[in-house]
Amino acid sequence: MKNGRVLFAFVCLVSFPVATLAQVSTDVTVAPAKEKEKKTCRQLMPTGTIMSSRVCNTAAGWQKFEANGAAGTEDFRRATLMSTTRGK
């Protein structure tokens, strides 16, 4: 019984590096290093609190953020107009 455990441990230890090497890619090409995008930070004040929080994002991230805000504002305006009776 003890010899079986030792044999099993030996087989596991010997086969582990082989399995690891089999998973390694043989592709030698290296992707060009991306330039790090510059992040800008803003102080945002969430609704319901007086404490601002600092949020940092890239230019593309801030554009997405602004687009989401504009879409939310437009949805709110549309919902408000639909719920009013307009003078009735």
PDB file of N, CA and C in Angstrom:
ATOM      1  N   MET A   1       0.826  -1.191   0.000  1.00  0.00           N
ATOM      2  CA  MET A   1       0.000   0.000   0.000  1.00  0.00           C
ATOM      3  C   MET A   1       0.868   1.251   0.000  1.00  0.00           C
ATOM      4  N   LYS A   2       1.904   1.258   0.844  1.00  0.00           N
ATOM      5  CA  LYS A   2       2.782   2.408   0.931  1.00  0.00           C
ATOM      6  C   LYS A   2       3.572   2.572  -0.365  1.00  0.00           C
ATOM      7  N   ASN A   3       3.975   1.465  -0.972  1.00  0.00           N
ATOM      8  CA  ASN A   3       4.716   1.532  -2.234  1.00  0.00           C
ATOM      9  C   ASN A   3       3.843   2.101  -3.350  1.00  0.00           C
ATOM     10  N   GLY A   4       2.562   1.826  -3.307  1.00  0.00           N
ATOM     11  CA  GLY A   4       1.631   2.339  -4.314  1.00  0.00           C
ATOM     12  C   GLY A   4       1.521   3.858  -4.227  1.00  0.00           C
ATOM     13  N   ARG A   5       1.494   4.391  -3.011  1.00  0.00           N
ATOM     14  CA  ARG A   5       1.417   5.847  -2.824  1.00  0.00           C
ATOM     15  C   ARG A   5       2.697   6.525  -3.311  1.00  0.00           C
ATOM     16  N   VAL A   6       3.816   5.906  -2.998  1.00  0.00           N
ATOM     17  CA  VAL A   6       5.090   6.471  -3.420  1.00  0.00           C
ATOM     18  C   VAL A   6       5.190   6.455  -4.938  1.00  0.00           C
ATOM     19  N   LEU A   7       4.772   5.358  -5.552  1.00  0.00           N
ATOM     20  CA  LEU A   7       4.801   5.246  -6.999  1.00  0.00           C
ATOM     21  C   LEU A   7       3.869   6.286  -7.632  1.00  0.00           C
ATOM     22  N   PHE A   8       2.674   6.445  -7.066  1.00  0.00           N
ATOM     23  CA  PHE A   8       1.717   7.428  -7.577  1.00  0.00           C
ATOM     24  C   PHE A   8       2.295   8.841  -7.469  1.00  0.00           C
ATOM     25  N   ALA A   9       2.911   9.176  -6.349  1.00  0.00           N
ATOM     26  CA  ALA A   9       3.509  10.498  -6.163  1.00  0.00           C
ATOM     27  C   ALA A   9       4.637  10.717  -7.165  1.00  0.00           C
ATOM     28  N   PHE A  10       5.453   9.708  -7.385  1.00  0.00           N
ATOM     29  CA  PHE A  10       6.549   9.805  -8.338  1.00  0.00           C
ATOM     30  C   PHE A  10       6.023  10.041  -9.759  1.00  0.00           C
ATOM     31  N   VAL A  11       5.002   9.302 -10.148  1.00  0.00           N
ATOM     32  CA  VAL A  11       4.427   9.441 -11.489  1.00  0.00           C
ATOM     33  C   VAL A  11       3.837  10.844 -11.660  1.00  0.00           C
ATOM     34  N   CYS A  12       3.164  11.349 -10.621  1.00  0.00           N
ATOM     35  CA  CYS A  12       2.597  12.702 -10.693  1.00  0.00           C
ATOM     36  C   CYS A  12       3.688  13.747 -10.842  1.00  0.00           C
ATOM     37  N   LEU A  13       4.745  13.616 -10.073  1.00  0.00           N
ATOM     38  CA  LEU A  13       5.823  14.601 -10.135  1.00  0.00           C
ATOM     39  C   LEU A  13       6.557  14.567 -11.467  1.00  0.00           C
ATOM     40  N   VAL A  14       6.703  13.392 -12.025  1.00  0.00           N
ATOM     41  CA  VAL A  14       7.407  13.259 -13.291  1.00  0.00           C
ATOM     42  C   VAL A  14       6.526  13.751 -14.440  1.00  0.00           C
ATOM     43  N   SER A  15       5.244  13.486 -14.403  1.00  0.00           N
ATOM     44  CA  SER A  15       4.376  13.864 -15.511  1.00  0.00           C
ATOM     45  C   SER A  15       3.957  15.330 -15.454  1.00  0.00           C
ATOM     46  N   PHE A  16       4.058  15.992 -14.324  1.00  0.00           N
ATOM     47  CA  PHE A  16       3.648  17.390 -14.206  1.00  0.00           C
ATOM     48  C   PHE A  16       4.434  18.310 -15.135  1.00  0.00           C
ATOM     49  N   PRO A  17       5.768  18.251 -15.149  1.00  0.00           N
ATOM     50  CA  PRO A  17       6.496  19.129 -16.077  1.00  0.00           C
ATOM     51  C   PRO A  17       6.202  18.829 -17.538  1.00  0.00           C
ATOM     52  N   VAL A  18       5.956  17.564 -17.860  1.00  0.00           N
ATOM     53  CA  VAL A  18       5.656  17.188 -19.240  1.00  0.00           C
ATOM     54  C   VAL A  18       4.317  17.792 -19.649  1.00  0.00           C
ATOM     55  N   ALA A  19       3.317  17.710 -18.769  1.00  0.00           N
ATOM     56  CA  ALA A  19       2.009  18.281 -19.076  1.00  0.00           C
ATOM     57  C   ALA A  19       2.100  19.798 -19.183  1.00  0.00           C
ATOM     58  N   THR A  20       2.897  20.409 -18.359  1.00  0.00           N
ATOM     59  CA  THR A  20       3.068  21.856 -18.413  1.00  0.00           C
ATOM     60  C   THR A  20       3.749  22.277 -19.702  1.00  0.00           C
ATOM     61  N   LEU A  21       4.766  21.554 -20.117  1.00  0.00           N
ATOM     62  CA  LEU A  21       5.459  21.878 -21.356  1.00  0.00           C
ATOM     63  C   LEU A  21       4.568  21.667 -22.566  1.00  0.00           C
ATOM     64  N   ALA A  22       3.656  20.719 -22.505  1.00  0.00           N
ATOM     65  CA  ALA A  22       2.764  20.459 -23.625  1.00  0.00           C
ATOM     66  C   ALA A  22       1.802  21.627 -23.829  1.00  0.00           C
ATOM     67  N   GLN A  23       1.498  22.376 -22.784  1.00  0.00           N
ATOM     68  CA  GLN A  23       0.561  23.485 -22.882  1.00  0.00           C
ATOM     69  C   GLN A  23       1.237  24.776 -23.334  1.00  0.00           C
ATOM     70  N   VAL A  24       2.529  24.854 -23.292  1.00  0.00           N
ATOM     71  CA  VAL A  24       3.249  26.069 -23.648  1.00  0.00           C
ATOM     72  C   VAL A  24       3.165  26.275 -25.153  1.00  0.00           C
ATOM     73  N   SER A  25       2.879  27.480 -25.564  1.00  0.00           N
ATOM     74  CA  SER A  25       2.764  27.797 -26.972  1.00  0.00           C
ATOM     75  C   SER A  25       4.154  27.838 -27.605  1.00  0.00           C
ATOM     76  N   THR A  26       4.251  27.382 -28.848  1.00  0.00           N
ATOM     77  CA  THR A  26       5.522  27.414 -29.555  1.00  0.00           C
ATOM     78  C   THR A  26       5.623  28.653 -30.431  1.00  0.00           C
ATOM     79  N   ASP A  27       4.624  29.536 -30.373  1.00  0.00           N
ATOM     80  CA  ASP A  27       4.631  30.765 -31.159  1.00  0.00           C
ATOM     81  C   ASP A  27       5.693  31.707 -30.609  1.00  0.00           C
ATOM     82  N   VAL A  28       6.614  32.115 -31.463  1.00  0.00           N
ATOM     83  CA  VAL A  28       7.740  32.920 -31.029  1.00  0.00           C
ATOM     84  C   VAL A  28       7.480  34.415 -31.240  1.00  0.00           C
ATOM     85  N   THR A  29       6.456  34.758 -32.010  1.00  0.00           N
ATOM     86  CA  THR A  29       6.193  36.164 -32.286  1.00  0.00           C
ATOM     87  C   THR A  29       5.709  36.861 -31.020  1.00  0.00           C
ATOM     88  N   VAL A  30       6.166  38.064 -30.863  1.00  0.00           N
ATOM     89  CA  VAL A  30       5.790  38.847 -29.684  1.00  0.00           C
ATOM     90  C   VAL A  30       4.949  40.016 -30.154  1.00  0.00           C
ATOM     91  N   ALA A  31       3.814  40.203 -29.491  1.00  0.00           N
ATOM     92  CA  ALA A  31       2.938  41.318 -29.853  1.00  0.00           C
ATOM     93  C   ALA A  31       3.618  42.630 -29.479  1.00  0.00           C
ATOM     94  N   PRO A  32       3.461  43.642 -30.303  1.00  0.00           N
ATOM     95  CA  PRO A  32       4.071  44.930 -29.965  1.00  0.00           C
ATOM     96  C   PRO A  32       3.451  45.496 -28.686  1.00  0.00           C
ATOM     97  N   ALA A  33       4.273  46.099 -27.905  1.00  0.00           N
ATOM     98  CA  ALA A  33       3.800  46.631 -26.631  1.00  0.00           C
ATOM     99  C   ALA A  33       2.874  47.814 -26.883  1.00  0.00           C
ATOM    100  N   LYS A  34       1.710  47.770 -26.239  1.00  0.00           N
ATOM    101  CA  LYS A  34       0.761  48.873 -26.365  1.00  0.00           C
ATOM    102  C   LYS A  34       1.246  50.039 -25.520  1.00  0.00           C
ATOM    103  N   GLU A  35       1.051  51.208 -26.062  1.00  0.00           N
ATOM    104  CA  GLU A  35       1.367  52.378 -25.266  1.00  0.00           C
ATOM    105  C   GLU A  35       0.260  52.538 -24.235  1.00  0.00           C
ATOM    106  N   LYS A  36       0.663  52.852 -23.045  1.00  0.00           N
ATOM    107  CA  LYS A  36      -0.315  53.021 -21.990  1.00  0.00           C
ATOM    108  C   LYS A  36      -1.117  54.286 -22.241  1.00  0.00           C
ATOM    109  N   GLU A  37      -2.431  54.152 -22.199  1.00  0.00           N
ATOM    110  CA  GLU A  37      -3.277  55.318 -22.403  1.00  0.00           C
ATOM    111  C   GLU A  37      -3.260  56.188 -21.158  1.00  0.00           C
ATOM    112  N   LYS A  38      -3.229  57.474 -21.377  1.00  0.00           N
ATOM    113  CA  LYS A  38      -3.195  58.401 -20.262  1.00  0.00           C
ATOM    114  C   LYS A  38      -4.576  58.457 -19.617  1.00  0.00           C
ATOM    115  N   LYS A  39      -4.604  58.349 -18.301  1.00  0.00           N
ATOM    116  CA  LYS A  39      -5.853  58.424 -17.567  1.00  0.00           C
ATOM    117  C   LYS A  39      -6.017  59.810 -16.966  1.00  0.00           C
ATOM    118  N   THR A  40      -7.246  60.271 -17.000  1.00  0.00           N
ATOM    119  CA  THR A  40      -7.563  61.537 -16.348  1.00  0.00           C
ATOM    120  C   THR A  40      -8.537  61.247 -15.220  1.00  0.00           C
ATOM    121  N   CYS A  41      -8.442  62.030 -14.173  1.00  0.00           N
ATOM    122  CA  CYS A  41      -9.276  61.802 -12.993  1.00  0.00           C
ATOM    123  C   CYS A  41     -10.255  62.958 -12.820  1.00  0.00           C
ATOM    124  N   ARG A  42     -11.424  62.634 -12.304  1.00  0.00           N
ATOM    125  CA  ARG A  42     -12.457  63.628 -12.013  1.00  0.00           C
ATOM    126  C   ARG A  42     -13.005  63.369 -10.617  1.00  0.00           C
ATOM    127  N   GLN A  43     -13.494  64.431 -10.005  1.00  0.00           N
ATOM    128  CA  GLN A  43     -14.184  64.317  -8.719  1.00  0.00           C
ATOM    129  C   GLN A  43     -15.673  64.237  -9.026  1.00  0.00           C
ATOM    130  N   LEU A  44     -16.312  63.127  -8.694  1.00  0.00           N
ATOM    131  CA  LEU A  44     -17.736  62.946  -8.950  1.00  0.00           C
ATOM    132  C   LEU A  44     -18.488  62.938  -7.622  1.00  0.00           C
ATOM    133  N   MET A  45     -19.647  63.568  -7.608  1.00  0.00           N
ATOM    134  CA  MET A  45     -20.478  63.611  -6.419  1.00  0.00           C
ATOM    135  C   MET A  45     -21.750  62.801  -6.698  1.00  0.00           C
ATOM    136  N   PRO A  46     -21.813  61.567  -6.204  1.00  0.00           N
ATOM    137  CA  PRO A  46     -22.995  60.740  -6.438  1.00  0.00           C
ATOM    138  C   PRO A  46     -24.231  61.342  -5.757  1.00  0.00           C
ATOM    139  N   THR A  47     -25.389  61.059  -6.311  1.00  0.00           N
ATOM    140  CA  THR A  47     -26.639  61.535  -5.741  1.00  0.00           C
ATOM    141  C   THR A  47     -26.848  60.922  -4.362  1.00  0.00           C
ATOM    142  N   GLY A  48     -27.254  61.743  -3.415  1.00  0.00           N
ATOM    143  CA  GLY A  48     -27.575  61.248  -2.085  1.00  0.00           C
ATOM    144  C   GLY A  48     -26.435  61.333  -1.098  1.00  0.00           C
ATOM    145  N   THR A  49     -25.315  61.900  -1.479  1.00  0.00           N
ATOM    146  CA  THR A  49     -24.203  62.031  -0.555  1.00  0.00           C
ATOM    147  C   THR A  49     -23.501  63.369  -0.790  1.00  0.00           C
ATOM    148  N   ILE A  50     -22.834  63.854   0.242  1.00  0.00           N
ATOM    149  CA  ILE A  50     -22.076  65.094   0.099  1.00  0.00           C
ATOM    150  C   ILE A  50     -20.592  64.810  -0.084  1.00  0.00           C
ATOM    151  N   MET A  51     -20.242  63.539  -0.082  1.00  0.00           N
ATOM    152  CA  MET A  51     -18.835  63.153  -0.232  1.00  0.00           C
ATOM    153  C   MET A  51     -18.559  62.833  -1.703  1.00  0.00           C
ATOM    154  N   SER A  52     -17.579  63.513  -2.261  1.00  0.00           N
ATOM    155  CA  SER A  52     -17.213  63.238  -3.650  1.00  0.00           C
ATOM    156  C   SER A  52     -16.236  62.064  -3.687  1.00  0.00           C
ATOM    157  N   SER A  53     -16.172  61.450  -4.849  1.00  0.00           N
ATOM    158  CA  SER A  53     -15.223  60.352  -5.024  1.00  0.00           C
ATOM    159  C   SER A  53     -14.396  60.620  -6.274  1.00  0.00           C
ATOM    160  N   ARG A  54     -13.158  60.208  -6.242  1.00  0.00           N
ATOM    161  CA  ARG A  54     -12.249  60.420  -7.357  1.00  0.00           C
ATOM    162  C   ARG A  54     -12.327  59.210  -8.277  1.00  0.00           C
ATOM    163  N   VAL A  55     -12.601  59.477  -9.557  1.00  0.00           N
ATOM    164  CA  VAL A  55     -12.718  58.415 -10.550  1.00  0.00           C
ATOM    165  C   VAL A  55     -11.747  58.714 -11.677  1.00  0.00           C
ATOM    166  N   CYS A  56     -10.921  57.743 -12.025  1.00  0.00           N
ATOM    167  CA  CYS A  56      -9.942  57.902 -13.102  1.00  0.00           C
ATOM    168  C   CYS A  56     -10.343  57.001 -14.268  1.00  0.00           C
ATOM    169  N   ASN A  57     -10.189  57.534 -15.488  1.00  0.00           N
ATOM    170  CA  ASN A  57     -10.560  56.779 -16.670  1.00  0.00           C
ATOM    171  C   ASN A  57      -9.782  57.310 -17.868  1.00  0.00           C
ATOM    172  N   THR A  58      -9.759  56.536 -18.932  1.00  0.00           N
ATOM    173  CA  THR A  58      -9.127  56.978 -20.172  1.00  0.00           C
ATOM    174  C   THR A  58     -10.086  57.881 -20.932  1.00  0.00           C
ATOM    175  N   ALA A  59      -9.616  58.497 -21.999  1.00  0.00           N
ATOM    176  CA  ALA A  59     -10.467  59.379 -22.793  1.00  0.00           C
ATOM    177  C   ALA A  59     -11.649  58.607 -23.383  1.00  0.00           C
ATOM    178  N   ALA A  60     -11.400  57.393 -23.857  1.00  0.00           N
ATOM    179  CA  ALA A  60     -12.481  56.574 -24.415  1.00  0.00           C
ATOM    180  C   ALA A  60     -13.484  56.200 -23.326  1.00  0.00           C
ATOM    181  N   GLY A  61     -12.987  55.920 -22.142  1.00  0.00           N
ATOM    182  CA  GLY A  61     -13.867  55.585 -21.024  1.00  0.00           C
ATOM    183  C   GLY A  61     -14.750  56.751 -20.627  1.00  0.00           C
ATOM    184  N   TRP A  62     -14.177  57.973 -20.631  1.00  0.00           N
ATOM    185  CA  TRP A  62     -14.972  59.149 -20.288  1.00  0.00           C
ATOM    186  C   TRP A  62     -16.017  59.421 -21.363  1.00  0.00           C
ATOM    187  N   GLN A  63     -15.700  59.167 -22.623  1.00  0.00           N
ATOM    188  CA  GLN A  63     -16.694  59.341 -23.682  1.00  0.00           C
ATOM    189  C   GLN A  63     -17.870  58.389 -23.484  1.00  0.00           C
ATOM    190  N   LYS A  64     -17.577  57.144 -23.121  1.00  0.00           N
ATOM    191  CA  LYS A  64     -18.632  56.172 -22.832  1.00  0.00           C
ATOM    192  C   LYS A  64     -19.472  56.637 -21.650  1.00  0.00           C
ATOM    193  N   PHE A  65     -18.800  57.127 -20.614  1.00  0.00           N
ATOM    194  CA  PHE A  65     -19.468  57.603 -19.411  1.00  0.00           C
ATOM    195  C   PHE A  65     -20.431  58.737 -19.751  1.00  0.00           C
ATOM    196  N   GLU A  66     -19.960  59.688 -20.558  1.00  0.00           N
ATOM    197  CA  GLU A  66     -20.800  60.823 -20.952  1.00  0.00           C
ATOM    198  C   GLU A  66     -21.974  60.363 -21.807  1.00  0.00           C
ATOM    199  N   ALA A  67     -21.739  59.405 -22.695  1.00  0.00           N
ATOM    200  CA  ALA A  67     -22.815  58.888 -23.547  1.00  0.00           C
ATOM    201  C   ALA A  67     -23.886  58.204 -22.713  1.00  0.00           C
ATOM    202  N   ASN A  68     -23.469  57.429 -21.716  1.00  0.00           N
ATOM    203  CA  ASN A  68     -24.439  56.770 -20.835  1.00  0.00           C
ATOM    204  C   ASN A  68     -25.256  57.797 -20.073  1.00  0.00           C
ATOM    205  N   GLY A  69     -24.597  58.853 -19.600  1.00  0.00           N
ATOM    206  CA  GLY A  69     -25.302  59.910 -18.878  1.00  0.00           C
ATOM    207  C   GLY A  69     -26.295  60.624 -19.766  1.00  0.00           C
ATOM    208  N   ALA A  70     -25.908  60.915 -21.008  1.00  0.00           N
ATOM    209  CA  ALA A  70     -26.801  61.593 -21.946  1.00  0.00           C
ATOM    210  C   ALA A  70     -27.998  60.710 -22.293  1.00  0.00           C
ATOM    211  N   ALA A  71     -27.756  59.419 -22.465  1.00  0.00           N
ATOM    212  CA  ALA A  71     -28.852  58.496 -22.779  1.00  0.00           C
ATOM    213  C   ALA A  71     -29.822  58.410 -21.600  1.00  0.00           C
ATOM    214  N   GLY A  72     -29.299  58.381 -20.385  1.00  0.00           N
ATOM    215  CA  GLY A  72     -30.157  58.337 -19.204  1.00  0.00           C
ATOM    216  C   GLY A  72     -30.987  59.599 -19.061  1.00  0.00           C
ATOM    217  N   THR A  73     -30.384  60.738 -19.365  1.00  0.00           N
ATOM    218  CA  THR A  73     -31.103  62.006 -19.297  1.00  0.00           C
ATOM    219  C   THR A  73     -32.221  62.037 -20.327  1.00  0.00           C
ATOM    220  N   GLU A  74     -31.917  61.576 -21.524  1.00  0.00           N
ATOM    221  CA  GLU A  74     -32.930  61.544 -22.584  1.00  0.00           C
ATOM    222  C   GLU A  74     -34.071  60.600 -22.228  1.00  0.00           C
ATOM    223  N   ASP A  75     -33.774  59.443 -21.661  1.00  0.00           N
ATOM    224  CA  ASP A  75     -34.809  58.502 -21.235  1.00  0.00           C
ATOM    225  C   ASP A  75     -35.692  59.127 -20.152  1.00  0.00           C
ATOM    226  N   PHE A  76     -35.083  59.815 -19.210  1.00  0.00           N
ATOM    227  CA  PHE A  76     -35.835  60.460 -18.137  1.00  0.00           C
ATOM    228  C   PHE A  76     -36.746  61.549 -18.698  1.00  0.00           C
ATOM    229  N   ARG A  77     -36.217  62.367 -19.611  1.00  0.00           N
ATOM    230  CA  ARG A  77     -37.011  63.440 -20.208  1.00  0.00           C
ATOM    231  C   ARG A  77     -38.194  62.865 -20.979  1.00  0.00           C
ATOM    232  N   ARG A  78     -37.959  61.813 -21.743  1.00  0.00           N
ATOM    233  CA  ARG A  78     -39.025  61.175 -22.518  1.00  0.00           C
ATOM    234  C   ARG A  78     -40.092  60.587 -21.597  1.00  0.00           C
ATOM    235  N   ALA A  79     -39.673  59.932 -20.520  1.00  0.00           N
ATOM    236  CA  ALA A  79     -40.629  59.348 -19.581  1.00  0.00           C
ATOM    237  C   ALA A  79     -41.445  60.432 -18.884  1.00  0.00           C
ATOM    238  N   THR A  80     -40.822  61.557 -18.573  1.00  0.00           N
ATOM    239  CA  THR A  80     -41.529  62.655 -17.924  1.00  0.00           C
ATOM    240  C   THR A  80     -42.569  63.244 -18.868  1.00  0.00           C
ATOM    241  N   LEU A  81     -42.220  63.426 -20.117  1.00  0.00           N
ATOM    242  CA  LEU A  81     -43.165  63.977 -21.085  1.00  0.00           C
ATOM    243  C   LEU A  81     -44.335  63.042 -21.324  1.00  0.00           C
ATOM    244  N   MET A  82     -44.097  61.745 -21.281  1.00  0.00           N
ATOM    245  CA  MET A  82     -45.158  60.789 -21.509  1.00  0.00           C
ATOM    246  C   MET A  82     -46.112  60.698 -20.327  1.00  0.00           C
ATOM    247  N   SER A  83     -45.636  61.036 -19.138  1.00  0.00           N
ATOM    248  CA  SER A  83     -46.482  60.882 -17.949  1.00  0.00           C
ATOM    249  C   SER A  83     -47.289  62.126 -17.630  1.00  0.00           C
ATOM    250  N   THR A  84     -47.006  63.252 -18.276  1.00  0.00           N
ATOM    251  CA  THR A  84     -47.763  64.473 -17.990  1.00  0.00           C
ATOM    252  C   THR A  84     -49.020  64.523 -18.848  1.00  0.00           C
ATOM    253  N   THR A  85     -50.003  65.258 -18.375  1.00  0.00           N
ATOM    254  CA  THR A  85     -51.263  65.361 -19.116  1.00  0.00           C
ATOM    255  C   THR A  85     -51.291  66.541 -20.061  1.00  0.00           C
ATOM    256  N   ARG A  86     -50.291  67.404 -20.000  1.00  0.00           N
ATOM    257  CA  ARG A  86     -50.153  68.549 -20.885  1.00  0.00           C
ATOM    258  C   ARG A  86     -51.393  69.440 -20.887  1.00  0.00           C
ATOM    259  N   GLY A  87     -51.699  69.959 -19.728  1.00  0.00           N
ATOM    260  CA  GLY A  87     -52.739  70.968 -19.624  1.00  0.00           C
ATOM    261  C   GLY A  87     -54.139  70.433 -19.451  1.00  0.00           C
ATOM    262  N   LYS A  88     -54.358  69.172 -19.336  1.00  0.00           N
ATOM    263  CA  LYS A  88     -55.721  68.649 -19.130  1.00  0.00           C
ATOM    264  C   LYS A  88     -56.061  68.603 -17.674  1.00  0.00           C
TER     265      LYS A  88
END
